[in-house]
Amino acid sequence: MVEYDQNAAIFTVKIIKDNTEYTVTIDAVSGEITNVKQDKLQLLTENAVKDLALKHQEGKVEHIELITENSITVYVVTLVSGSKQQTLKFDAYTGQECS
């Protein structure tokens, strides 16, 4: 994620790698890095992921699995609604839906 604060002329960049979120602040005029902050992210619980899945799609959670895919830890959630089955993926640390 990149944000720009026009009034302060500052870019804020957030990067997530290896369950750590890095927040980097950059002076937009000089290009100088003015601050770097690191925060360890906690793995979401299966119940939290179940709640996220049910916000996206009605139904019953049939299965939840934690896997690593393309160097990203994700929860794979299988939902069933009537005869329809859907699989959703969520980043295991941020809860962001993955495609």
PDB file of N, CA and C in Angstrom:
ATOM      1  N   MET A   1       0.841  -1.164   0.000  1.00  0.00           N
ATOM      2  CA  MET A   1       0.000   0.000   0.000  1.00  0.00           C
ATOM      3  C   MET A   1       0.895   1.238   0.000  1.00  0.00           C
ATOM      4  N   VAL A   2       0.508   2.208  -0.790  1.00  0.00           N
ATOM      5  CA  VAL A   2       1.226   3.479  -0.821  1.00  0.00           C
ATOM      6  C   VAL A   2       0.208   4.597  -0.628  1.00  0.00           C
ATOM      7  N   GLU A   3       0.506   5.501   0.283  1.00  0.00           N
ATOM      8  CA  GLU A   3      -0.337   6.682   0.501  1.00  0.00           C
ATOM      9  C   GLU A   3       0.525   7.918   0.333  1.00  0.00           C
ATOM     10  N   TYR A   4      -0.100   8.988  -0.153  1.00  0.00           N
ATOM     11  CA  TYR A   4       0.616  10.259  -0.303  1.00  0.00           C
ATOM     12  C   TYR A   4      -0.139  11.338   0.441  1.00  0.00           C
ATOM     13  N   ASP A   5       0.553  12.025   1.337  1.00  0.00           N
ATOM     14  CA  ASP A   5      -0.014  13.157   2.061  1.00  0.00           C
ATOM     15  C   ASP A   5       0.502  14.420   1.377  1.00  0.00           C
ATOM     16  N   GLN A   6      -0.353  15.034   0.565  1.00  0.00           N
ATOM     17  CA  GLN A   6       0.053  16.191  -0.227  1.00  0.00           C
ATOM     18  C   GLN A   6       0.423  17.376   0.659  1.00  0.00           C
ATOM     19  N   ASN A   7      -0.293  17.572   1.753  1.00  0.00           N
ATOM     20  CA  ASN A   7      -0.015  18.703   2.647  1.00  0.00           C
ATOM     21  C   ASN A   7       1.360  18.594   3.293  1.00  0.00           C
ATOM     22  N   ALA A   8       1.755  17.383   3.674  1.00  0.00           N
ATOM     23  CA  ALA A   8       3.048  17.188   4.330  1.00  0.00           C
ATOM     24  C   ALA A   8       4.137  16.773   3.349  1.00  0.00           C
ATOM     25  N   ALA A   9       3.771  16.488   2.093  1.00  0.00           N
ATOM     26  CA  ALA A   9       4.709  16.008   1.062  1.00  0.00           C
ATOM     27  C   ALA A   9       5.457  14.760   1.537  1.00  0.00           C
ATOM     28  N   ILE A  10       4.658  13.781   2.002  1.00  0.00           N
ATOM     29  CA  ILE A  10       5.216  12.541   2.543  1.00  0.00           C
ATOM     30  C   ILE A  10       4.504  11.342   1.921  1.00  0.00           C
ATOM     31  N   PHE A  11       5.308  10.357   1.514  1.00  0.00           N
ATOM     32  CA  PHE A  11       4.776   9.071   1.098  1.00  0.00           C
ATOM     33  C   PHE A  11       4.872   8.122   2.276  1.00  0.00           C
ATOM     34  N   THR A  12       3.840   7.315   2.470  1.00  0.00           N
ATOM     35  CA  THR A  12       3.874   6.242   3.450  1.00  0.00           C
ATOM     36  C   THR A  12       3.672   4.947   2.683  1.00  0.00           C
ATOM     37  N   VAL A  13       4.633   4.039   2.833  1.00  0.00           N
ATOM     38  CA  VAL A  13       4.597   2.761   2.126  1.00  0.00           C
ATOM     39  C   VAL A  13       4.508   1.645   3.157  1.00  0.00           C
ATOM     40  N   LYS A  14       3.542   0.723   2.978  1.00  0.00           N
ATOM     41  CA  LYS A  14       3.420  -0.433   3.868  1.00  0.00           C
ATOM     42  C   LYS A  14       3.702  -1.686   3.057  1.00  0.00           C
ATOM     43  N   ILE A  15       4.587  -2.519   3.609  1.00  0.00           N
ATOM     44  CA  ILE A  15       4.998  -3.759   2.973  1.00  0.00           C
ATOM     45  C   ILE A  15       4.838  -4.880   3.999  1.00  0.00           C
ATOM     46  N   ILE A  16       4.282  -5.997   3.580  1.00  0.00           N
ATOM     47  CA  ILE A  16       4.176  -7.156   4.465  1.00  0.00           C
ATOM     48  C   ILE A  16       5.041  -8.258   3.883  1.00  0.00           C
ATOM     49  N   LYS A  17       5.959  -8.746   4.733  1.00  0.00           N
ATOM     50  CA  LYS A  17       6.838  -9.844   4.328  1.00  0.00           C
ATOM     51  C   LYS A  17       7.167 -10.671   5.558  1.00  0.00           C
ATOM     52  N   ASP A  18       7.037 -11.985   5.402  1.00  0.00           N
ATOM     53  CA  ASP A  18       7.381 -12.915   6.492  1.00  0.00           C
ATOM     54  C   ASP A  18       6.742 -12.513   7.816  1.00  0.00           C
ATOM     55  N   ASN A  19       5.439 -12.377   7.830  1.00  0.00           N
ATOM     56  CA  ASN A  19       4.599 -12.017   8.969  1.00  0.00           C
ATOM     57  C   ASN A  19       5.059 -10.757   9.713  1.00  0.00           C
ATOM     58  N   THR A  20       5.739  -9.858   8.996  1.00  0.00           N
ATOM     59  CA  THR A  20       6.135  -8.562   9.542  1.00  0.00           C
ATOM     60  C   THR A  20       5.634  -7.469   8.613  1.00  0.00           C
ATOM     61  N   GLU A  21       5.014  -6.440   9.207  1.00  0.00           N
ATOM     62  CA  GLU A  21       4.573  -5.284   8.432  1.00  0.00           C
ATOM     63  C   GLU A  21       5.597  -4.167   8.618  1.00  0.00           C
ATOM     64  N   TYR A  22       6.119  -3.672   7.511  1.00  0.00           N
ATOM     65  CA  TYR A  22       7.078  -2.572   7.523  1.00  0.00           C
ATOM     66  C   TYR A  22       6.355  -1.318   7.045  1.00  0.00           C
ATOM     67  N   THR A  23       6.455  -0.244   7.811  1.00  0.00           N
ATOM     68  CA  THR A  23       5.896   1.041   7.420  1.00  0.00           C
ATOM     69  C   THR A  23       7.064   1.994   7.206  1.00  0.00           C
ATOM     70  N   VAL A  24       7.194   2.469   5.971  1.00  0.00           N
ATOM     71  CA  VAL A  24       8.311   3.331   5.599  1.00  0.00           C
ATOM     72  C   VAL A  24       7.755   4.699   5.226  1.00  0.00           C
ATOM     73  N   THR A  25       8.312   5.747   5.828  1.00  0.00           N
ATOM     74  CA  THR A  25       7.917   7.115   5.521  1.00  0.00           C
ATOM     75  C   THR A  25       9.027   7.754   4.697  1.00  0.00           C
ATOM     76  N   ILE A  26       8.621   8.370   3.568  1.00  0.00           N
ATOM     77  CA  ILE A  26       9.594   8.949   2.636  1.00  0.00           C
ATOM     78  C   ILE A  26       9.244  10.403   2.368  1.00  0.00           C
ATOM     79  N   ASP A  27      10.223  11.294   2.487  1.00  0.00           N
ATOM     80  CA  ASP A  27      10.042  12.708   2.145  1.00  0.00           C
ATOM     81  C   ASP A  27       9.870  12.786   0.627  1.00  0.00           C
ATOM     82  N   ALA A  28       8.735  13.312   0.171  1.00  0.00           N
ATOM     83  CA  ALA A  28       8.420  13.343  -1.260  1.00  0.00           C
ATOM     84  C   ALA A  28       9.296  14.319  -2.032  1.00  0.00           C
ATOM     85  N   VAL A  29       9.882  15.283  -1.365  1.00  0.00           N
ATOM     86  CA  VAL A  29      10.720  16.268  -2.039  1.00  0.00           C
ATOM     87  C   VAL A  29      12.153  15.752  -2.189  1.00  0.00           C
ATOM     88  N   SER A  30      12.737  15.287  -1.083  1.00  0.00           N
ATOM     89  CA  SER A  30      14.138  14.858  -1.112  1.00  0.00           C
ATOM     90  C   SER A  30      14.311  13.377  -1.458  1.00  0.00           C
ATOM     91  N   GLY A  31      13.258  12.576  -1.265  1.00  0.00           N
ATOM     92  CA  GLY A  31      13.358  11.142  -1.477  1.00  0.00           C
ATOM     93  C   GLY A  31      13.990  10.414  -0.303  1.00  0.00           C
ATOM     94  N   GLU A  32      14.270  11.143   0.761  1.00  0.00           N
ATOM     95  CA  GLU A  32      14.914  10.580   1.948  1.00  0.00           C
ATOM     96  C   GLU A  32      13.917   9.759   2.766  1.00  0.00           C
ATOM     97  N   ILE A  33      14.364   8.587   3.224  1.00  0.00           N
ATOM     98  CA  ILE A  33      13.560   7.783   4.140  1.00  0.00           C
ATOM     99  C   ILE A  33      13.656   8.438   5.511  1.00  0.00           C
ATOM    100  N   THR A  34      12.516   8.828   6.058  1.00  0.00           N
ATOM    101  CA  THR A  34      12.516   9.545   7.331  1.00  0.00           C
ATOM    102  C   THR A  34      12.158   8.658   8.522  1.00  0.00           C
ATOM    103  N   ASN A  35      11.531   7.507   8.247  1.00  0.00           N
ATOM    104  CA  ASN A  35      11.161   6.627   9.355  1.00  0.00           C
ATOM    105  C   ASN A  35      10.880   5.228   8.811  1.00  0.00           C
ATOM    106  N   VAL A  36      11.270   4.217   9.574  1.00  0.00           N
ATOM    107  CA  VAL A  36      10.944   2.828   9.270  1.00  0.00           C
ATOM    108  C   VAL A  36      10.435   2.194  10.554  1.00  0.00           C
ATOM    109  N   LYS A  37       9.271   1.561  10.477  1.00  0.00           N
ATOM    110  CA  LYS A  37       8.683   0.912  11.644  1.00  0.00           C
ATOM    111  C   LYS A  37       8.364  -0.535  11.268  1.00  0.00           C
ATOM    112  N   GLN A  38       8.660  -1.460  12.189  1.00  0.00           N
ATOM    113  CA  GLN A  38       8.367  -2.878  11.970  1.00  0.00           C
ATOM    114  C   GLN A  38       7.386  -3.361  13.022  1.00  0.00           C
ATOM    115  N   ASP A  39       6.365  -4.089  12.581  1.00  0.00           N
ATOM    116  CA  ASP A  39       5.394  -4.684  13.499  1.00  0.00           C
ATOM    117  C   ASP A  39       5.196  -6.148  13.126  1.00  0.00           C
ATOM    118  N   LYS A  40       5.376  -7.036  14.101  1.00  0.00           N
ATOM    119  CA  LYS A  40       5.093  -8.457  13.873  1.00  0.00           C
ATOM    120  C   LYS A  40       3.580  -8.645  13.810  1.00  0.00           C
ATOM    121  N   LEU A  41       3.135  -9.380  12.828  1.00  0.00           N
ATOM    122  CA  LEU A  41       1.717  -9.661  12.667  1.00  0.00           C
ATOM    123  C   LEU A  41       1.389 -11.004  13.305  1.00  0.00           C
ATOM    124  N   GLN A  42       0.224 -11.090  13.893  1.00  0.00           N
ATOM    125  CA  GLN A  42      -0.230 -12.339  14.496  1.00  0.00           C
ATOM    126  C   GLN A  42      -1.113 -13.091  13.507  1.00  0.00           C
ATOM    127  N   LEU A  43      -0.965 -14.396  13.483  1.00  0.00           N
ATOM    128  CA  LEU A  43      -1.776 -15.248  12.642  1.00  0.00           C
ATOM    129  C   LEU A  43      -3.233 -15.159  13.088  1.00  0.00           C
ATOM    130  N   LEU A  44      -4.143 -14.965  12.142  1.00  0.00           N
ATOM    131  CA  LEU A  44      -5.567 -14.922  12.469  1.00  0.00           C
ATOM    132  C   LEU A  44      -6.033 -16.295  12.948  1.00  0.00           C
ATOM    133  N   THR A  45      -7.019 -16.307  13.805  1.00  0.00           N
ATOM    134  CA  THR A  45      -7.590 -17.576  14.263  1.00  0.00           C
ATOM    135  C   THR A  45      -8.541 -18.118  13.195  1.00  0.00           C
ATOM    136  N   GLU A  46      -8.803 -19.404  13.248  1.00  0.00           N
ATOM    137  CA  GLU A  46      -9.752 -20.006  12.308  1.00  0.00           C
ATOM    138  C   GLU A  46     -11.137 -19.382  12.472  1.00  0.00           C
ATOM    139  N   ASN A  47     -11.525 -19.058  13.704  1.00  0.00           N
ATOM    140  CA  ASN A  47     -12.833 -18.430  13.921  1.00  0.00           C
ATOM    141  C   ASN A  47     -12.913 -17.058  13.255  1.00  0.00           C
ATOM    142  N   ALA A  48     -11.829 -16.292  13.314  1.00  0.00           N
ATOM    143  CA  ALA A  48     -11.810 -14.974  12.668  1.00  0.00           C
ATOM    144  C   ALA A  48     -11.930 -15.128  11.155  1.00  0.00           C
ATOM    145  N   VAL A  49     -11.252 -16.130  10.602  1.00  0.00           N
ATOM    146  CA  VAL A  49     -11.309 -16.366   9.160  1.00  0.00           C
ATOM    147  C   VAL A  49     -12.701 -16.850   8.760  1.00  0.00           C
ATOM    148  N   LYS A  50     -13.294 -17.671   9.583  1.00  0.00           N
ATOM    149  CA  LYS A  50     -14.664 -18.141   9.320  1.00  0.00           C
ATOM    150  C   LYS A  50     -15.617 -16.950   9.246  1.00  0.00           C
ATOM    151  N   ASP A  51     -15.483 -16.014  10.173  1.00  0.00           N
ATOM    152  CA  ASP A  51     -16.324 -14.809  10.165  1.00  0.00           C
ATOM    153  C   ASP A  51     -16.111 -13.989   8.889  1.00  0.00           C
ATOM    154  N   LEU A  52     -14.845 -13.850   8.464  1.00  0.00           N
ATOM    155  CA  LEU A  52     -14.549 -13.122   7.226  1.00  0.00           C
ATOM    156  C   LEU A  52     -15.218 -13.788   6.025  1.00  0.00           C
ATOM    157  N   ALA A  53     -15.101 -15.109   5.954  1.00  0.00           N
ATOM    158  CA  ALA A  53     -15.675 -15.849   4.838  1.00  0.00           C
ATOM    159  C   ALA A  53     -17.187 -15.679   4.785  1.00  0.00           C
ATOM    160  N   LEU A  54     -17.830 -15.733   5.932  1.00  0.00           N
ATOM    161  CA  LEU A  54     -19.282 -15.614   5.976  1.00  0.00           C
ATOM    162  C   LEU A  54     -19.767 -14.204   5.662  1.00  0.00           C
ATOM    163  N   LYS A  55     -18.891 -13.203   5.792  1.00  0.00           N
ATOM    164  CA  LYS A  55     -19.241 -11.837   5.371  1.00  0.00           C
ATOM    165  C   LYS A  55     -19.229 -11.729   3.849  1.00  0.00           C
ATOM    166  N   HIS A  56     -18.394 -12.561   3.192  1.00  0.00           N
ATOM    167  CA  HIS A  56     -18.292 -12.544   1.731  1.00  0.00           C
ATOM    168  C   HIS A  56     -19.372 -13.388   1.064  1.00  0.00           C
ATOM    169  N   GLN A  57     -19.749 -14.469   1.711  1.00  0.00           N
ATOM    170  CA  GLN A  57     -20.676 -15.414   1.089  1.00  0.00           C
ATOM    171  C   GLN A  57     -21.489 -16.108   2.168  1.00  0.00           C
ATOM    172  N   GLU A  58     -22.802 -16.155   1.981  1.00  0.00           N
ATOM    173  CA  GLU A  58     -23.650 -16.887   2.921  1.00  0.00           C
ATOM    174  C   GLU A  58     -23.450 -18.375   2.718  1.00  0.00           C
ATOM    175  N   GLY A  59     -23.669 -19.126   3.774  1.00  0.00           N
ATOM    176  CA  GLY A  59     -23.556 -20.575   3.675  1.00  0.00           C
ATOM    177  C   GLY A  59     -22.959 -21.150   4.937  1.00  0.00           C
ATOM    178  N   LYS A  60     -22.459 -22.360   4.797  1.00  0.00           N
ATOM    179  CA  LYS A  60     -21.845 -23.068   5.915  1.00  0.00           C
ATOM    180  C   LYS A  60     -20.387 -23.333   5.575  1.00  0.00           C
ATOM    181  N   VAL A  61     -19.503 -23.032   6.528  1.00  0.00           N
ATOM    182  CA  VAL A  61     -18.088 -23.307   6.325  1.00  0.00           C
ATOM    183  C   VAL A  61     -17.889 -24.816   6.480  1.00  0.00           C
ATOM    184  N   GLU A  62     -17.452 -25.423   5.388  1.00  0.00           N
ATOM    185  CA  GLU A  62     -17.256 -26.873   5.373  1.00  0.00           C
ATOM    186  C   GLU A  62     -15.841 -27.264   5.763  1.00  0.00           C
ATOM    187  N   HIS A  63     -14.856 -26.413   5.364  1.00  0.00           N
ATOM    188  CA  HIS A  63     -13.465 -26.773   5.601  1.00  0.00           C
ATOM    189  C   HIS A  63     -12.605 -25.511   5.629  1.00  0.00           C
ATOM    190  N   ILE A  64     -11.616 -25.479   6.541  1.00  0.00           N
ATOM    191  CA  ILE A  64     -10.623 -24.397   6.587  1.00  0.00           C
ATOM    192  C   ILE A  64      -9.248 -25.053   6.648  1.00  0.00           C
ATOM    193  N   GLU A  65      -8.358 -24.578   5.781  1.00  0.00           N
ATOM    194  CA  GLU A  65      -7.006 -25.136   5.748  1.00  0.00           C
ATOM    195  C   GLU A  65      -5.996 -24.003   5.650  1.00  0.00           C
ATOM    196  N   LEU A  66      -4.909 -24.115   6.401  1.00  0.00           N
ATOM    197  CA  LEU A  66      -3.827 -23.133   6.375  1.00  0.00           C
ATOM    198  C   LEU A  66      -2.717 -23.678   5.474  1.00  0.00           C
ATOM    199  N   ILE A  67      -2.367 -22.909   4.422  1.00  0.00           N
ATOM    200  CA  ILE A  67      -1.332 -23.351   3.483  1.00  0.00           C
ATOM    201  C   ILE A  67      -0.402 -22.185   3.152  1.00  0.00           C
ATOM    202  N   THR A  68       0.722 -22.505   2.534  1.00  0.00           N
ATOM    203  CA  THR A  68       1.613 -21.485   1.999  1.00  0.00           C
ATOM    204  C   THR A  68       1.538 -21.575   0.484  1.00  0.00           C
ATOM    205  N   GLU A  69       1.243 -20.439  -0.141  1.00  0.00           N
ATOM    206  CA  GLU A  69       1.063 -20.384  -1.588  1.00  0.00           C
ATOM    207  C   GLU A  69       1.807 -19.172  -2.122  1.00  0.00           C
ATOM    208  N   ASN A  70       2.756 -19.391  -3.028  1.00  0.00           N
ATOM    209  CA  ASN A  70       3.566 -18.294  -3.570  1.00  0.00           C
ATOM    210  C   ASN A  70       4.209 -17.463  -2.461  1.00  0.00           C
ATOM    211  N   SER A  71       4.740 -18.126  -1.459  1.00  0.00           N
ATOM    212  CA  SER A  71       5.416 -17.506  -0.311  1.00  0.00           C
ATOM    213  C   SER A  71       4.485 -16.710   0.595  1.00  0.00           C
ATOM    214  N   ILE A  72       3.181 -16.901   0.462  1.00  0.00           N
ATOM    215  CA  ILE A  72       2.209 -16.203   1.305  1.00  0.00           C
ATOM    216  C   ILE A  72       1.412 -17.253   2.078  1.00  0.00           C
ATOM    217  N   THR A  73       1.275 -17.051   3.383  1.00  0.00           N
ATOM    218  CA  THR A  73       0.484 -17.958   4.205  1.00  0.00           C
ATOM    219  C   THR A  73      -0.978 -17.557   4.091  1.00  0.00           C
ATOM    220  N   VAL A  74      -1.805 -18.500   3.648  1.00  0.00           N
ATOM    221  CA  VAL A  74      -3.224 -18.207   3.421  1.00  0.00           C
ATOM    222  C   VAL A  74      -4.104 -19.277   4.057  1.00  0.00           C
ATOM    223  N   TYR A  75      -5.304 -18.848   4.394  1.00  0.00           N
ATOM    224  CA  TYR A  75      -6.346 -19.783   4.782  1.00  0.00           C
ATOM    225  C   TYR A  75      -7.198 -20.035   3.541  1.00  0.00           C
ATOM    226  N   VAL A  76      -7.456 -21.302   3.263  1.00  0.00           N
ATOM    227  CA  VAL A  76      -8.361 -21.686   2.184  1.00  0.00           C
ATOM    228  C   VAL A  76      -9.647 -22.141   2.856  1.00  0.00           C
ATOM    229  N   VAL A  77     -10.754 -21.489   2.505  1.00  0.00           N
ATOM    230  CA  VAL A  77     -12.031 -21.751   3.149  1.00  0.00           C
ATOM    231  C   VAL A  77     -13.008 -22.269   2.105  1.00  0.00           C
ATOM    232  N   THR A  78     -13.625 -23.408   2.391  1.00  0.00           N
ATOM    233  CA  THR A  78     -14.647 -23.971   1.509  1.00  0.00           C
ATOM    234  C   THR A  78     -16.003 -23.722   2.141  1.00  0.00           C
ATOM    235  N   LEU A  79     -16.871 -23.041   1.393  1.00  0.00           N
ATOM    236  CA  LEU A  79     -18.233 -22.724   1.838  1.00  0.00           C
ATOM    237  C   LEU A  79     -19.228 -23.510   1.002  1.00  0.00           C
ATOM    238  N   VAL A  80     -20.301 -23.957   1.639  1.00  0.00           N
ATOM    239  CA  VAL A  80     -21.361 -24.656   0.935  1.00  0.00           C
ATOM    240  C   VAL A  80     -22.673 -23.941   1.227  1.00  0.00           C
ATOM    241  N   SER A  81     -23.428 -23.687   0.145  1.00  0.00           N
ATOM    242  CA  SER A  81     -24.755 -23.087   0.267  1.00  0.00           C
ATOM    243  C   SER A  81     -25.671 -23.846  -0.681  1.00  0.00           C
ATOM    244  N   GLY A  82     -26.528 -24.691  -0.116  1.00  0.00           N
ATOM    245  CA  GLY A  82     -27.359 -25.553  -0.949  1.00  0.00           C
ATOM    246  C   GLY A  82     -26.478 -26.519  -1.718  1.00  0.00           C
ATOM    247  N   SER A  83     -26.597 -26.507  -3.033  1.00  0.00           N
ATOM    248  CA  SER A  83     -25.752 -27.386  -3.857  1.00  0.00           C
ATOM    249  C   SER A  83     -24.527 -26.657  -4.395  1.00  0.00           C
ATOM    250  N   LYS A  84     -24.375 -25.392  -4.019  1.00  0.00           N
ATOM    251  CA  LYS A  84     -23.262 -24.576  -4.503  1.00  0.00           C
ATOM    252  C   LYS A  84     -22.097 -24.625  -3.516  1.00  0.00           C
ATOM    253  N   GLN A  85     -20.892 -24.835  -4.042  1.00  0.00           N
ATOM    254  CA  GLN A  85     -19.674 -24.842  -3.222  1.00  0.00           C
ATOM    255  C   GLN A  85     -18.750 -23.753  -3.741  1.00  0.00           C
ATOM    256  N   GLN A  86     -18.145 -22.991  -2.820  1.00  0.00           N
ATOM    257  CA  GLN A  86     -17.231 -21.919  -3.197  1.00  0.00           C
ATOM    258  C   GLN A  86     -15.984 -21.993  -2.331  1.00  0.00           C
ATOM    259  N   THR A  87     -14.835 -21.694  -2.938  1.00  0.00           N
ATOM    260  CA  THR A  87     -13.575 -21.662  -2.204  1.00  0.00           C
ATOM    261  C   THR A  87     -13.060 -20.228  -2.170  1.00  0.00           C
ATOM    262  N   LEU A  88     -12.745 -19.750  -0.971  1.00  0.00           N
ATOM    263  CA  LEU A  88     -12.191 -18.411  -0.779  1.00  0.00           C
ATOM    264  C   LEU A  88     -10.818 -18.551  -0.137  1.00  0.00           C
ATOM    265  N   LYS A  89      -9.931 -17.589  -0.420  1.00  0.00           N
ATOM    266  CA  LYS A  89      -8.604 -17.567   0.189  1.00  0.00           C
ATOM    267  C   LYS A  89      -8.398 -16.224   0.870  1.00  0.00           C
ATOM    268  N   PHE A  90      -7.812 -16.276   2.079  1.00  0.00           N
ATOM    269  CA  PHE A  90      -7.547 -15.071   2.851  1.00  0.00           C
ATOM    270  C   PHE A  90      -6.105 -15.088   3.348  1.00  0.00           C
ATOM    271  N   ASP A  91      -5.441 -13.930   3.272  1.00  0.00           N
ATOM    272  CA  ASP A  91      -4.111 -13.792   3.859  1.00  0.00           C
ATOM    273  C   ASP A  91      -4.238 -14.109   5.354  1.00  0.00           C
ATOM    274  N   ALA A  92      -3.408 -15.018   5.836  1.00  0.00           N
ATOM    275  CA  ALA A  92      -3.523 -15.513   7.209  1.00  0.00           C
ATOM    276  C   ALA A  92      -3.148 -14.481   8.262  1.00  0.00           C
ATOM    277  N   TYR A  93      -2.493 -13.393   7.855  1.00  0.00           N
ATOM    278  CA  TYR A  93      -2.086 -12.358   8.807  1.00  0.00           C
ATOM    279  C   TYR A  93      -2.942 -11.098   8.710  1.00  0.00           C
ATOM    280  N   THR A  94      -3.373 -10.743   7.509  1.00  0.00           N
ATOM    281  CA  THR A  94      -4.115  -9.490   7.326  1.00  0.00           C
ATOM    282  C   THR A  94      -5.612  -9.704   7.152  1.00  0.00           C
ATOM    283  N   GLY A  95      -6.018 -10.908   6.728  1.00  0.00           N
ATOM    284  CA  GLY A  95      -7.423 -11.171   6.463  1.00  0.00           C
ATOM    285  C   GLY A  95      -7.866 -10.691   5.094  1.00  0.00           C
ATOM    286  N   GLN A  96      -6.956 -10.142   4.325  1.00  0.00           N
ATOM    287  CA  GLN A  96      -7.296  -9.660   2.991  1.00  0.00           C
ATOM    288  C   GLN A  96      -7.593 -10.854   2.077  1.00  0.00           C
ATOM    289  N   GLU A  97      -8.675 -10.734   1.295  1.00  0.00           N
ATOM    290  CA  GLU A  97      -9.018 -11.802   0.372  1.00  0.00           C
ATOM    291  C   GLU A  97      -7.982 -11.890  -0.734  1.00  0.00           C
ATOM    292  N   CYS A  98      -7.566 -13.100  -1.045  1.00  0.00           N
ATOM    293  CA  CYS A  98      -6.584 -13.340  -2.101  1.00  0.00           C
ATOM    294  C   CYS A  98      -7.298 -13.927  -3.304  1.00  0.00           C
ATOM    295  N   SER A  99      -6.787 -13.642  -4.480  1.00  0.00           N
ATOM    296  CA  SER A  99      -7.416 -14.220  -5.673  1.00  0.00           C
ATOM    297  C   SER A  99      -6.717 -15.487  -6.092  1.00  0.00           C
TER     298      SER A  99
END
